[in-house]
PDB file of N, CA and C in Angstrom:
ATOM      1  N   GLN A   1       0.750  -1.222   0.110  1.00  0.00           N
ATOM      2  CA  GLN A   1       0.009   0.007   0.049  1.00  0.00           C
ATOM      3  C   GLN A   1       0.828   1.309   0.030  1.00  0.00           C
ATOM      4  N   VAL A   2       0.521   2.177  -0.904  1.00  0.00           N
ATOM      5  CA  VAL A   2       1.443   3.478  -1.016  1.00  0.00           C
ATOM      6  C   VAL A   2       0.860   4.467  -0.138  1.00  0.00           C
ATOM      7  N   GLN A   3       1.768   5.097   0.581  1.00  0.00           N
ATOM      8  CA  GLN A   3       1.333   6.163   1.414  1.00  0.00           C
ATOM      9  C   GLN A   3       2.287   7.345   1.226  1.00  0.00           C
ATOM     10  N   LEU A   4       1.738   8.618   1.283  1.00  0.00           N
ATOM     11  CA  LEU A   4       2.619   9.737   1.344  1.00  0.00           C
ATOM     12  C   LEU A   4       1.927  10.491   2.565  1.00  0.00           C
ATOM     13  N   VAL A   5       2.913  10.894   3.491  1.00  0.00           N
ATOM     14  CA  VAL A   5       2.452  11.522   4.809  1.00  0.00           C
ATOM     15  C   VAL A   5       3.358  12.784   4.825  1.00  0.00           C
ATOM     16  N   GLU A   6       2.513  13.876   4.862  1.00  0.00           N
ATOM     17  CA  GLU A   6       3.112  15.244   4.862  1.00  0.00           C
ATOM     18  C   GLU A   6       3.131  15.574   6.409  1.00  0.00           C
ATOM     19  N   SER A   7       4.145  16.519   6.830  1.00  0.00           N
ATOM     20  CA  SER A   7       4.132  17.019   8.087  1.00  0.00           C
ATOM     21  C   SER A   7       4.947  18.355   8.105  1.00  0.00           C
ATOM     22  N   GLY A   8       4.948  18.954   9.243  1.00  0.00           N
ATOM     23  CA  GLY A   8       5.670  20.289   9.330  1.00  0.00           C
ATOM     24  C   GLY A   8       4.932  21.557   9.229  1.00  0.00           C
ATOM     25  N   GLY A   9       3.600  21.347   8.895  1.00  0.00           N
ATOM     26  CA  GLY A   9       2.850  22.669   8.640  1.00  0.00           C
ATOM     27  C   GLY A   9       2.485  23.281  10.040  1.00  0.00           C
ATOM     28  N   GLY A  10       1.850  24.340  10.015  1.00  0.00           N
ATOM     29  CA  GLY A  10       1.366  25.050  11.243  1.00  0.00           C
ATOM     30  C   GLY A  10       1.329  26.429  11.116  1.00  0.00           C
ATOM     31  N   PRO A  11       0.922  27.235  12.143  1.00  0.00           N
ATOM     32  CA  PRO A  11       0.908  28.698  12.027  1.00  0.00           C
ATOM     33  C   PRO A  11       2.330  29.317  12.029  1.00  0.00           C
ATOM     34  N   VAL A  12       2.414  30.365  11.347  1.00  0.00           N
ATOM     35  CA  VAL A  12       3.747  31.161  11.342  1.00  0.00           C
ATOM     36  C   VAL A  12       3.401  32.623  10.933  1.00  0.00           C
ATOM     37  N   GLN A  13       4.357  33.498  11.475  1.00  0.00           N
ATOM     38  CA  GLN A  13       4.119  34.911  11.090  1.00  0.00           C
ATOM     39  C   GLN A  13       4.705  35.213   9.707  1.00  0.00           C
ATOM     40  N   PRO A  14       4.184  36.267   9.146  1.00  0.00           N
ATOM     41  CA  PRO A  14       4.785  36.705   7.744  1.00  0.00           C
ATOM     42  C   PRO A  14       6.320  36.918   8.020  1.00  0.00           C
ATOM     43  N   GLY A  15       7.188  36.472   7.072  1.00  0.00           N
ATOM     44  CA  GLY A  15       8.550  36.540   7.195  1.00  0.00           C
ATOM     45  C   GLY A  15       9.253  35.415   7.797  1.00  0.00           C
ATOM     46  N   GLY A  16       8.443  34.392   8.367  1.00  0.00           N
ATOM     47  CA  GLY A  16       8.996  33.289   9.081  1.00  0.00           C
ATOM     48  C   GLY A  16       9.295  32.143   8.026  1.00  0.00           C
ATOM     49  N   SER A  17       9.666  31.012   8.721  1.00  0.00           N
ATOM     50  CA  SER A  17      10.086  29.885   7.818  1.00  0.00           C
ATOM     51  C   SER A  17       9.410  28.564   8.497  1.00  0.00           C
ATOM     52  N   LEU A  18       9.109  27.664   7.494  1.00  0.00           N
ATOM     53  CA  LEU A  18       8.658  26.349   7.806  1.00  0.00           C
ATOM     54  C   LEU A  18       9.466  25.327   6.855  1.00  0.00           C
ATOM     55  N   ARG A  19       9.555  24.193   7.401  1.00  0.00           N
ATOM     56  CA  ARG A  19      10.060  23.027   6.682  1.00  0.00           C
ATOM     57  C   ARG A  19       9.106  21.904   6.574  1.00  0.00           C
ATOM     58  N   LEU A  20       8.533  21.658   5.442  1.00  0.00           N
ATOM     59  CA  LEU A  20       7.565  20.509   5.333  1.00  0.00           C
ATOM     60  C   LEU A  20       8.406  19.337   4.926  1.00  0.00           C
ATOM     61  N   ALA A  21       7.761  18.196   5.284  1.00  0.00           N
ATOM     62  CA  ALA A  21       8.423  16.860   4.979  1.00  0.00           C
ATOM     63  C   ALA A  21       7.230  16.101   4.297  1.00  0.00           C
ATOM     64  N   CYS A  22       7.690  15.094   3.413  1.00  0.00           N
ATOM     65  CA  CYS A  22       6.785  14.221   2.741  1.00  0.00           C
ATOM     66  C   CYS A  22       7.521  12.835   2.792  1.00  0.00           C
ATOM     67  N   VAL A  23       6.875  11.923   3.651  1.00  0.00           N
ATOM     68  CA  VAL A  23       7.457  10.658   3.697  1.00  0.00           C
ATOM     69  C   VAL A  23       6.776   9.567   2.953  1.00  0.00           C
ATOM     70  N   ALA A  24       7.345   8.795   2.095  1.00  0.00           N
ATOM     71  CA  ALA A  24       6.687   7.889   1.295  1.00  0.00           C
ATOM     72  C   ALA A  24       6.999   6.477   1.750  1.00  0.00           C
ATOM     73  N   SER A  25       6.019   5.595   1.507  1.00  0.00           N
ATOM     74  CA  SER A  25       6.246   4.249   1.865  1.00  0.00           C
ATOM     75  C   SER A  25       5.397   3.399   0.834  1.00  0.00           C
ATOM     76  N   GLY A  26       5.875   2.191   0.476  1.00  0.00           N
ATOM     77  CA  GLY A  26       5.164   1.282  -0.460  1.00  0.00           C
ATOM     78  C   GLY A  26       5.609   1.491  -1.848  1.00  0.00           C
ATOM     79  N   ILE A  27       6.642   2.305  -2.118  1.00  0.00           N
ATOM     80  CA  ILE A  27       7.203   2.591  -3.464  1.00  0.00           C
ATOM     81  C   ILE A  27       8.606   2.592  -3.429  1.00  0.00           C
ATOM     82  N   THR A  28       9.216   2.316  -4.593  1.00  0.00           N
ATOM     83  CA  THR A  28      10.832   2.514  -4.602  1.00  0.00           C
ATOM     84  C   THR A  28      11.000   3.970  -4.877  1.00  0.00           C
ATOM     85  N   PHE A  29      11.165   4.629  -3.769  1.00  0.00           N
ATOM     86  CA  PHE A  29      11.181   6.124  -3.721  1.00  0.00           C
ATOM     87  C   PHE A  29      11.917   6.718  -4.749  1.00  0.00           C
ATOM     88  N   SER A  30      13.155   6.168  -4.949  1.00  0.00           N
ATOM     89  CA  SER A  30      14.306   6.844  -5.841  1.00  0.00           C
ATOM     90  C   SER A  30      13.747   7.004  -7.259  1.00  0.00           C
ATOM     91  N   ARG A  31      12.821   6.066  -7.533  1.00  0.00           N
ATOM     92  CA  ARG A  31      12.270   6.084  -8.960  1.00  0.00           C
ATOM     93  C   ARG A  31      11.196   7.044  -9.168  1.00  0.00           C
ATOM     94  N   TYR A  32      10.609   7.701  -8.269  1.00  0.00           N
ATOM     95  CA  TYR A  32       9.540   8.612  -8.306  1.00  0.00           C
ATOM     96  C   TYR A  32      10.072  10.124  -8.253  1.00  0.00           C
ATOM     97  N   SER A  33       9.432  10.896  -9.053  1.00  0.00           N
ATOM     98  CA  SER A  33       9.541  12.367  -9.007  1.00  0.00           C
ATOM     99  C   SER A  33       8.375  12.802  -7.981  1.00  0.00           C
ATOM    100  N   VAL A  34       8.701  13.772  -7.250  1.00  0.00           N
ATOM    101  CA  VAL A  34       7.734  14.290  -6.199  1.00  0.00           C
ATOM    102  C   VAL A  34       7.487  15.664  -6.367  1.00  0.00           C
ATOM    103  N   GLY A  35       6.229  16.134  -6.260  1.00  0.00           N
ATOM    104  CA  GLY A  35       5.764  17.533  -6.264  1.00  0.00           C
ATOM    105  C   GLY A  35       5.135  18.002  -5.111  1.00  0.00           C
ATOM    106  N   TRP A  36       5.106  19.255  -4.921  1.00  0.00           N
ATOM    107  CA  TRP A  36       4.364  19.868  -3.767  1.00  0.00           C
ATOM    108  C   TRP A  36       3.231  20.853  -4.595  1.00  0.00           C
ATOM    109  N   PHE A  37       2.005  20.675  -4.013  1.00  0.00           N
ATOM    110  CA  PHE A  37       1.029  21.494  -4.583  1.00  0.00           C
ATOM    111  C   PHE A  37       0.324  22.196  -3.321  1.00  0.00           C
ATOM    112  N   ARG A  38      -0.509  23.162  -3.558  1.00  0.00           N
ATOM    113  CA  ARG A  38      -1.241  23.784  -2.320  1.00  0.00           C
ATOM    114  C   ARG A  38      -2.609  24.272  -2.832  1.00  0.00           C
ATOM    115  N   GLN A  39      -3.405  24.322  -1.804  1.00  0.00           N
ATOM    116  CA  GLN A  39      -4.740  24.741  -2.090  1.00  0.00           C
ATOM    117  C   GLN A  39      -5.346  25.522  -0.955  1.00  0.00           C
ATOM    118  N   ASP A  40      -5.708  26.811  -1.186  1.00  0.00           N
ATOM    119  CA  ASP A  40      -6.399  27.576  -0.192  1.00  0.00           C
ATOM    120  C   ASP A  40      -7.851  27.518  -0.301  1.00  0.00           C
ATOM    121  N   LEU A  41      -8.572  27.944   0.693  1.00  0.00           N
ATOM    122  CA  LEU A  41     -10.123  27.864   0.638  1.00  0.00           C
ATOM    123  C   LEU A  41     -10.626  28.561  -0.561  1.00  0.00           C
ATOM    124  N   GLY A  42     -11.491  28.068  -1.240  1.00  0.00           N
ATOM    125  CA  GLY A  42     -12.120  28.665  -2.453  1.00  0.00           C
ATOM    126  C   GLY A  42     -11.196  28.859  -3.664  1.00  0.00           C
ATOM    127  N   LYS A  43     -10.135  28.232  -3.614  1.00  0.00           N
ATOM    128  CA  LYS A  43      -9.176  28.378  -4.826  1.00  0.00           C
ATOM    129  C   LYS A  43      -8.875  27.000  -5.354  1.00  0.00           C
ATOM    130  N   GLU A  44      -8.376  27.000  -6.587  1.00  0.00           N
ATOM    131  CA  GLU A  44      -7.939  25.697  -7.237  1.00  0.00           C
ATOM    132  C   GLU A  44      -6.459  25.259  -6.692  1.00  0.00           C
ATOM    133  N   ARG A  45      -6.347  24.010  -6.708  1.00  0.00           N
ATOM    134  CA  ARG A  45      -5.105  23.612  -6.234  1.00  0.00           C
ATOM    135  C   ARG A  45      -3.967  24.033  -7.242  1.00  0.00           C
ATOM    136  N   GLU A  46      -2.881  24.490  -6.734  1.00  0.00           N
ATOM    137  CA  GLU A  46      -1.806  24.981  -7.661  1.00  0.00           C
ATOM    138  C   GLU A  46      -0.536  24.457  -7.397  1.00  0.00           C
ATOM    139  N   PHE A  47       0.416  24.340  -8.438  1.00  0.00           N
ATOM    140  CA  PHE A  47       1.761  23.772  -8.359  1.00  0.00           C
ATOM    141  C   PHE A  47       2.627  24.664  -7.518  1.00  0.00           C
ATOM    142  N   VAL A  48       3.484  24.085  -6.634  1.00  0.00           N
ATOM    143  CA  VAL A  48       4.461  24.989  -5.921  1.00  0.00           C
ATOM    144  C   VAL A  48       5.931  24.578  -6.411  1.00  0.00           C
ATOM    145  N   ALA A  49       6.320  23.260  -6.255  1.00  0.00           N
ATOM    146  CA  ALA A  49       7.567  22.919  -6.575  1.00  0.00           C
ATOM    147  C   ALA A  49       7.671  21.381  -6.739  1.00  0.00           C
ATOM    148  N   ALA A  50       8.610  20.913  -7.597  1.00  0.00           N
ATOM    149  CA  ALA A  50       8.839  19.474  -7.722  1.00  0.00           C
ATOM    150  C   ALA A  50      10.285  19.226  -7.941  1.00  0.00           C
ATOM    151  N   ILE A  51      10.639  17.957  -7.686  1.00  0.00           N
ATOM    152  CA  ILE A  51      11.967  17.485  -7.944  1.00  0.00           C
ATOM    153  C   ILE A  51      11.883  16.106  -8.569  1.00  0.00           C
ATOM    154  N   LYS A  52      12.845  15.955  -9.658  1.00  0.00           N
ATOM    155  CA  LYS A  52      12.700  14.747 -10.388  1.00  0.00           C
ATOM    156  C   LYS A  52      13.404  13.612  -9.670  1.00  0.00           C
ATOM    157  N   SER A  53      13.125  12.383 -10.221  1.00  0.00           N
ATOM    158  CA  SER A  53      13.626  11.179  -9.570  1.00  0.00           C
ATOM    159  C   SER A  53      15.180  11.165  -9.878  1.00  0.00           C
ATOM    160  N   TYR A  54      15.566  10.520 -10.849  1.00  0.00           N
ATOM    161  CA  TYR A  54      17.094  10.411 -11.062  1.00  0.00           C
ATOM    162  C   TYR A  54      17.552  11.803 -11.519  1.00  0.00           C
ATOM    163  N   GLY A  55      18.722  12.236 -11.016  1.00  0.00           N
ATOM    164  CA  GLY A  55      19.208  13.593 -11.292  1.00  0.00           C
ATOM    165  C   GLY A  55      18.773  14.642 -10.322  1.00  0.00           C
ATOM    166  N   GLY A  56      17.503  14.534  -9.966  1.00  0.00           N
ATOM    167  CA  GLY A  56      17.055  15.471  -8.844  1.00  0.00           C
ATOM    168  C   GLY A  56      16.836  16.923  -9.295  1.00  0.00           C
ATOM    169  N   SER A  57      16.639  17.115 -10.611  1.00  0.00           N
ATOM    170  CA  SER A  57      16.399  18.537 -11.155  1.00  0.00           C
ATOM    171  C   SER A  57      15.133  19.019 -10.447  1.00  0.00           C
ATOM    172  N   THR A  58      15.000  20.417 -10.247  1.00  0.00           N
ATOM    173  CA  THR A  58      13.926  20.997  -9.750  1.00  0.00           C
ATOM    174  C   THR A  58      13.242  21.986 -10.487  1.00  0.00           C
ATOM    175  N   VAL A  59      11.990  22.136 -10.138  1.00  0.00           N
ATOM    176  CA  VAL A  59      11.109  23.203 -10.892  1.00  0.00           C
ATOM    177  C   VAL A  59      10.215  23.950  -9.752  1.00  0.00           C
ATOM    178  N   TYR A  60      10.147  25.253 -10.059  1.00  0.00           N
ATOM    179  CA  TYR A  60       9.350  26.046  -8.985  1.00  0.00           C
ATOM    180  C   TYR A  60       8.216  26.919  -9.604  1.00  0.00           C
ATOM    181  N   ALA A  61       7.273  27.176  -8.932  1.00  0.00           N
ATOM    182  CA  ALA A  61       6.363  28.207  -9.310  1.00  0.00           C
ATOM    183  C   ALA A  61       6.842  29.506  -9.189  1.00  0.00           C
ATOM    184  N   ASP A  62       6.512  30.446 -10.160  1.00  0.00           N
ATOM    185  CA  ASP A  62       7.159  31.785 -10.032  1.00  0.00           C
ATOM    186  C   ASP A  62       6.948  32.367  -8.689  1.00  0.00           C
ATOM    187  N   SER A  63       5.861  32.163  -8.117  1.00  0.00           N
ATOM    188  CA  SER A  63       5.347  32.869  -6.894  1.00  0.00           C
ATOM    189  C   SER A  63       6.300  32.487  -5.739  1.00  0.00           C
ATOM    190  N   VAL A  64       7.063  31.368  -5.749  1.00  0.00           N
ATOM    191  CA  VAL A  64       7.822  30.874  -4.646  1.00  0.00           C
ATOM    192  C   VAL A  64       9.331  30.893  -4.972  1.00  0.00           C
ATOM    193  N   LYS A  65       9.732  31.109  -6.255  1.00  0.00           N
ATOM    194  CA  LYS A  65      11.127  31.148  -6.522  1.00  0.00           C
ATOM    195  C   LYS A  65      11.892  32.078  -5.648  1.00  0.00           C
ATOM    196  N   GLY A  66      13.048  31.555  -5.166  1.00  0.00           N
ATOM    197  CA  GLY A  66      13.885  32.341  -4.421  1.00  0.00           C
ATOM    198  C   GLY A  66      13.462  32.333  -2.862  1.00  0.00           C
ATOM    199  N   ARG A  67      12.318  31.861  -2.590  1.00  0.00           N
ATOM    200  CA  ARG A  67      11.865  31.575  -1.051  1.00  0.00           C
ATOM    201  C   ARG A  67      11.809  30.199  -0.741  1.00  0.00           C
ATOM    202  N   PHE A  68      11.366  29.444  -1.669  1.00  0.00           N
ATOM    203  CA  PHE A  68      11.212  27.901  -1.368  1.00  0.00           C
ATOM    204  C   PHE A  68      12.330  27.123  -1.911  1.00  0.00           C
ATOM    205  N   THR A  69      12.689  26.090  -1.290  1.00  0.00           N
ATOM    206  CA  THR A  69      13.588  25.021  -1.737  1.00  0.00           C
ATOM    207  C   THR A  69      13.048  23.687  -1.583  1.00  0.00           C
ATOM    208  N   ILE A  70      13.040  22.943  -2.670  1.00  0.00           N
ATOM    209  CA  ILE A  70      12.689  21.523  -2.507  1.00  0.00           C
ATOM    210  C   ILE A  70      14.100  20.630  -2.654  1.00  0.00           C
ATOM    211  N   SER A  71      14.032  19.587  -1.732  1.00  0.00           N
ATOM    212  CA  SER A  71      15.120  18.703  -1.744  1.00  0.00           C
ATOM    213  C   SER A  71      14.730  17.188  -1.438  1.00  0.00           C
ATOM    214  N   ARG A  72      15.480  16.318  -1.614  1.00  0.00           N
ATOM    215  CA  ARG A  72      15.083  14.984  -1.357  1.00  0.00           C
ATOM    216  C   ARG A  72      16.257  14.095  -0.647  1.00  0.00           C
ATOM    217  N   ASP A  73      15.883  13.094   0.118  1.00  0.00           N
ATOM    218  CA  ASP A  73      16.635  12.163   0.751  1.00  0.00           C
ATOM    219  C   ASP A  73      16.180  10.788   0.472  1.00  0.00           C
ATOM    220  N   ASN A  74      16.741  10.252  -0.613  1.00  0.00           N
ATOM    221  CA  ASN A  74      16.179   8.881  -1.018  1.00  0.00           C
ATOM    222  C   ASN A  74      16.394   7.899   0.072  1.00  0.00           C
ATOM    223  N   ALA A  75      17.489   8.042   0.941  1.00  0.00           N
ATOM    224  CA  ALA A  75      17.605   7.019   1.949  1.00  0.00           C
ATOM    225  C   ALA A  75      16.501   6.989   3.045  1.00  0.00           C
ATOM    226  N   LYS A  76      15.923   8.186   3.078  1.00  0.00           N
ATOM    227  CA  LYS A  76      14.787   8.378   4.088  1.00  0.00           C
ATOM    228  C   LYS A  76      13.499   8.302   3.421  1.00  0.00           C
ATOM    229  N   SER A  77      13.452   8.218   2.100  1.00  0.00           N
ATOM    230  CA  SER A  77      12.120   8.301   1.276  1.00  0.00           C
ATOM    231  C   SER A  77      11.357   9.504   1.645  1.00  0.00           C
ATOM    232  N   THR A  78      12.168  10.461   1.600  1.00  0.00           N
ATOM    233  CA  THR A  78      11.540  11.871   2.233  1.00  0.00           C
ATOM    234  C   THR A  78      11.899  13.005   1.165  1.00  0.00           C
ATOM    235  N   VAL A  79      10.893  13.814   0.946  1.00  0.00           N
ATOM    236  CA  VAL A  79      11.111  15.056   0.252  1.00  0.00           C
ATOM    237  C   VAL A  79      10.740  16.202   1.229  1.00  0.00           C
ATOM    238  N   TYR A  80      11.609  17.240   1.095  1.00  0.00           N
ATOM    239  CA  TYR A  80      11.338  18.471   2.048  1.00  0.00           C
ATOM    240  C   TYR A  80      11.100  19.649   1.209  1.00  0.00           C
ATOM    241  N   LEU A  81      10.276  20.527   1.757  1.00  0.00           N
ATOM    242  CA  LEU A  81      10.100  21.825   1.186  1.00  0.00           C
ATOM    243  C   LEU A  81      10.472  22.843   2.276  1.00  0.00           C
ATOM    244  N   GLN A  82      11.497  23.495   2.188  1.00  0.00           N
ATOM    245  CA  GLN A  82      12.012  24.555   2.971  1.00  0.00           C
ATOM    246  C   GLN A  82      11.220  25.788   2.465  1.00  0.00           C
ATOM    247  N   MET A  83      10.541  26.483   3.348  1.00  0.00           N
ATOM    248  CA  MET A  83       9.807  27.678   3.039  1.00  0.00           C
ATOM    249  C   MET A  83      10.252  28.799   3.850  1.00  0.00           C
ATOM    250  N   ASN A  84      10.887  29.807   3.186  1.00  0.00           N
ATOM    251  CA  ASN A  84      11.369  31.013   3.890  1.00  0.00           C
ATOM    252  C   ASN A  84      10.697  32.285   3.453  1.00  0.00           C
ATOM    253  N   ASN A  85      10.774  33.277   4.232  1.00  0.00           N
ATOM    254  CA  ASN A  85      10.101  34.490   3.955  1.00  0.00           C
ATOM    255  C   ASN A  85       8.730  34.352   3.580  1.00  0.00           C
ATOM    256  N   LEU A  86       7.832  33.661   4.351  1.00  0.00           N
ATOM    257  CA  LEU A  86       6.590  33.261   4.158  1.00  0.00           C
ATOM    258  C   LEU A  86       5.697  34.424   4.073  1.00  0.00           C
ATOM    259  N   ARG A  87       4.764  34.482   3.256  1.00  0.00           N
ATOM    260  CA  ARG A  87       3.604  35.560   3.171  1.00  0.00           C
ATOM    261  C   ARG A  87       2.281  35.107   3.406  1.00  0.00           C
ATOM    262  N   PRO A  88       1.337  35.914   3.780  1.00  0.00           N
ATOM    263  CA  PRO A  88       0.031  35.612   4.005  1.00  0.00           C
ATOM    264  C   PRO A  88      -0.765  34.743   2.730  1.00  0.00           C
ATOM    265  N   GLU A  89      -0.174  35.229   1.521  1.00  0.00           N
ATOM    266  CA  GLU A  89      -0.810  34.442   0.335  1.00  0.00           C
ATOM    267  C   GLU A  89      -0.127  33.016   0.199  1.00  0.00           C
ATOM    268  N   ASP A  90       0.814  32.625   1.043  1.00  0.00           N
ATOM    269  CA  ASP A  90       1.156  31.217   0.961  1.00  0.00           C
ATOM    270  C   ASP A  90       0.242  30.321   1.957  1.00  0.00           C
ATOM    271  N   THR A  91      -0.683  31.011   2.608  1.00  0.00           N
ATOM    272  CA  THR A  91      -1.577  30.142   3.351  1.00  0.00           C
ATOM    273  C   THR A  91      -2.309  29.227   2.459  1.00  0.00           C
ATOM    274  N   ALA A  92      -2.313  27.886   2.742  1.00  0.00           N
ATOM    275  CA  ALA A  92      -2.977  26.787   2.156  1.00  0.00           C
ATOM    276  C   ALA A  92      -2.735  25.467   2.861  1.00  0.00           C
ATOM    277  N   VAL A  93      -3.400  24.517   2.351  1.00  0.00           N
ATOM    278  CA  VAL A  93      -3.160  23.139   2.551  1.00  0.00           C
ATOM    279  C   VAL A  93      -2.006  22.782   1.455  1.00  0.00           C
ATOM    280  N   TYR A  94      -1.025  22.170   2.057  1.00  0.00           N
ATOM    281  CA  TYR A  94       0.055  21.731   1.109  1.00  0.00           C
ATOM    282  C   TYR A  94       0.106  20.214   0.985  1.00  0.00           C
ATOM    283  N   TYR A  95       0.053  19.796  -0.173  1.00  0.00           N
ATOM    284  CA  TYR A  95       0.050  18.315  -0.677  1.00  0.00           C
ATOM    285  C   TYR A  95       1.384  18.007  -1.290  1.00  0.00           C
ATOM    286  N   CYS A  96       1.806  16.797  -0.926  1.00  0.00           N
ATOM    287  CA  CYS A  96       2.800  16.108  -1.895  1.00  0.00           C
ATOM    288  C   CYS A  96       2.294  15.058  -2.735  1.00  0.00           C
ATOM    289  N   ALA A  97       2.785  14.866  -3.881  1.00  0.00           N
ATOM    290  CA  ALA A  97       2.456  13.877  -4.796  1.00  0.00           C
ATOM    291  C   ALA A  97       3.711  13.155  -5.416  1.00  0.00           C
ATOM    292  N   ALA A  98       3.493  11.952  -5.826  1.00  0.00           N
ATOM    293  CA  ALA A  98       4.616  11.216  -6.365  1.00  0.00           C
ATOM    294  C   ALA A  98       4.127  10.597  -7.742  1.00  0.00           C
ATOM    295  N   GLY A  99       5.070  10.665  -8.620  1.00  0.00           N
ATOM    296  CA  GLY A  99       4.762  10.075 -10.026  1.00  0.00           C
ATOM    297  C   GLY A  99       5.979   9.433 -10.651  1.00  0.00           C
ATOM    298  N   SER A 100       5.838   8.296 -11.397  1.00  0.00           N
ATOM    299  CA  SER A 100       7.032   7.535 -11.708  1.00  0.00           C
ATOM    300  C   SER A 100       7.417   7.806 -13.282  1.00  0.00           C
ATOM    301  N   ARG A 101       6.568   8.451 -14.016  1.00  0.00           N
ATOM    302  CA  ARG A 101       6.845   8.510 -15.439  1.00  0.00           C
ATOM    303  C   ARG A 101       6.818   9.961 -15.756  1.00  0.00           C
ATOM    304  N   LEU A 102       7.351  10.779 -14.978  1.00  0.00           N
ATOM    305  CA  LEU A 102       7.253  12.430 -15.268  1.00  0.00           C
ATOM    306  C   LEU A 102       8.475  12.816 -16.097  1.00  0.00           C
ATOM    307  N   ILE A 103       8.238  13.529 -17.115  1.00  0.00           N
ATOM    308  CA  ILE A 103       9.221  14.333 -17.711  1.00  0.00           C
ATOM    309  C   ILE A 103       9.233  15.691 -17.224  1.00  0.00           C
ATOM    310  N   THR A 104      10.242  16.460 -17.418  1.00  0.00           N
ATOM    311  CA  THR A 104      10.466  17.755 -16.771  1.00  0.00           C
ATOM    312  C   THR A 104       9.238  18.736 -17.163  1.00  0.00           C
ATOM    313  N   SER A 105       8.745  18.520 -18.309  1.00  0.00           N
ATOM    314  CA  SER A 105       7.716  19.592 -18.709  1.00  0.00           C
ATOM    315  C   SER A 105       6.367  19.295 -18.082  1.00  0.00           C
ATOM    316  N   SER A 106       6.250  18.047 -17.396  1.00  0.00           N
ATOM    317  CA  SER A 106       4.993  17.593 -16.719  1.00  0.00           C
ATOM    318  C   SER A 106       5.003  17.742 -15.339  1.00  0.00           C
ATOM    319  N   LEU A 107       6.195  18.135 -14.631  1.00  0.00           N
ATOM    320  CA  LEU A 107       6.230  18.115 -13.323  1.00  0.00           C
ATOM    321  C   LEU A 107       5.249  19.116 -12.569  1.00  0.00           C
ATOM    322  N   ASN A 108       4.890  20.123 -13.338  1.00  0.00           N
ATOM    323  CA  ASN A 108       3.949  21.110 -12.701  1.00  0.00           C
ATOM    324  C   ASN A 108       2.339  20.702 -12.947  1.00  0.00           C
ATOM    325  N   SER A 109       2.175  19.405 -13.579  1.00  0.00           N
ATOM    326  CA  SER A 109       0.833  19.095 -13.940  1.00  0.00           C
ATOM    327  C   SER A 109       0.276  18.083 -12.784  1.00  0.00           C
ATOM    328  N   GLN A 110      -0.794  18.332 -12.313  1.00  0.00           N
ATOM    329  CA  GLN A 110      -1.360  17.491 -11.254  1.00  0.00           C
ATOM    330  C   GLN A 110      -1.704  16.066 -11.756  1.00  0.00           C
ATOM    331  N   SER A 111      -2.202  16.068 -13.021  1.00  0.00           N
ATOM    332  CA  SER A 111      -2.637  14.757 -13.602  1.00  0.00           C
ATOM    333  C   SER A 111      -1.482  13.883 -13.806  1.00  0.00           C
ATOM    334  N   ALA A 112      -0.192  14.287 -13.849  1.00  0.00           N
ATOM    335  CA  ALA A 112       0.927  13.461 -14.085  1.00  0.00           C
ATOM    336  C   ALA A 112       1.238  12.679 -12.837  1.00  0.00           C
ATOM    337  N   TYR A 113       0.700  12.938 -11.762  1.00  0.00           N
ATOM    338  CA  TYR A 113       1.175  12.201 -10.529  1.00  0.00           C
ATOM    339  C   TYR A 113       0.201  10.998 -10.172  1.00  0.00           C
ATOM    340  N   ASP A 114       0.840   9.959  -9.602  1.00  0.00           N
ATOM    341  CA  ASP A 114       0.034   8.761  -9.323  1.00  0.00           C
ATOM    342  C   ASP A 114      -0.600   8.804  -7.970  1.00  0.00           C
ATOM    343  N   TYR A 115       0.237   9.245  -6.917  1.00  0.00           N
ATOM    344  CA  TYR A 115      -0.176   9.187  -5.623  1.00  0.00           C
ATOM    345  C   TYR A 115      -0.105  10.417  -4.830  1.00  0.00           C
ATOM    346  N   TRP A 116      -1.039  10.763  -3.814  1.00  0.00           N
ATOM    347  CA  TRP A 116      -1.132  11.940  -3.247  1.00  0.00           C
ATOM    348  C   TRP A 116      -1.266  11.687  -1.709  1.00  0.00           C
ATOM    349  N   GLY A 117      -0.613  12.703  -1.011  1.00  0.00           N
ATOM    350  CA  GLY A 117      -0.879  12.667   0.466  1.00  0.00           C
ATOM    351  C   GLY A 117      -2.146  13.316   0.939  1.00  0.00           C
ATOM    352  N   GLN A 118      -2.277  13.410   2.190  1.00  0.00           N
ATOM    353  CA  GLN A 118      -3.477  13.940   2.814  1.00  0.00           C
ATOM    354  C   GLN A 118      -3.318  15.619   2.952  1.00  0.00           C
ATOM    355  N   GLY A 119      -2.280  16.043   2.967  1.00  0.00           N
ATOM    356  CA  GLY A 119      -1.970  17.425   3.071  1.00  0.00           C
ATOM    357  C   GLY A 119      -1.743  17.936   4.572  1.00  0.00           C
ATOM    358  N   THR A 120      -1.029  19.046   4.593  1.00  0.00           N
ATOM    359  CA  THR A 120      -0.762  19.750   5.899  1.00  0.00           C
ATOM    360  C   THR A 120      -0.963  21.228   5.725  1.00  0.00           C
ATOM    361  N   GLN A 121      -1.593  21.733   6.727  1.00  0.00           N
ATOM    362  CA  GLN A 121      -2.020  23.082   6.699  1.00  0.00           C
ATOM    363  C   GLN A 121      -0.952  24.114   7.083  1.00  0.00           C
ATOM    364  N   VAL A 122      -0.721  25.088   6.259  1.00  0.00           N
ATOM    365  CA  VAL A 122       0.224  26.173   6.484  1.00  0.00           C
ATOM    366  C   VAL A 122      -0.621  27.512   6.639  1.00  0.00           C
ATOM    367  N   THR A 123      -0.493  28.196   7.629  1.00  0.00           N
ATOM    368  CA  THR A 123      -1.218  29.439   7.962  1.00  0.00           C
ATOM    369  C   THR A 123      -0.242  30.583   8.304  1.00  0.00           C
ATOM    370  N   VAL A 124      -0.184  31.438   7.339  1.00  0.00           N
ATOM    371  CA  VAL A 124       0.741  32.700   7.545  1.00  0.00           C
ATOM    372  C   VAL A 124      -0.123  33.883   7.950  1.00  0.00           C
ATOM    373  N   SER A 125       0.139  34.304   9.165  1.00  0.00           N
ATOM    374  CA  SER A 125      -0.643  35.415   9.671  1.00  0.00           C
ATOM    375  C   SER A 125       0.057  36.036  10.936  1.00  0.00           C
ATOM    376  N   SER A 126      -0.265  37.363  11.074  1.00  0.00           N
ATOM    377  CA  SER A 126       0.209  38.131  12.182  1.00  0.00           C
ATOM    378  C   SER A 126      -0.737  38.091  13.358  1.00  0.00           C
TER     379      SER A 126
END
């Protein structure tokens, strides 16, 4: 059974930082690309960042470039999302997703991913 479990969310003040983690089980993790997506109330889910399987190249949404960093530790079957200089508009439920046949151009596409976690809430507010 495949599971993706996110953690690390919570409340934070504007300008603060959080590190999200996505731990996978039931898959050969190194073979999977992993993406982070987010969804705020009343809005569509949107792409945040992704990291490819072999090679580990990364892609970011323009809104988070320079503030967020995605990384992976295959030995721990974990992908991290380091979020710095958080803004109120970063408030959302953050989801991780894993896919095994992604090409670089599809990393930002929700339909390209096979498995999804349940999400972790990030709230940026003063």
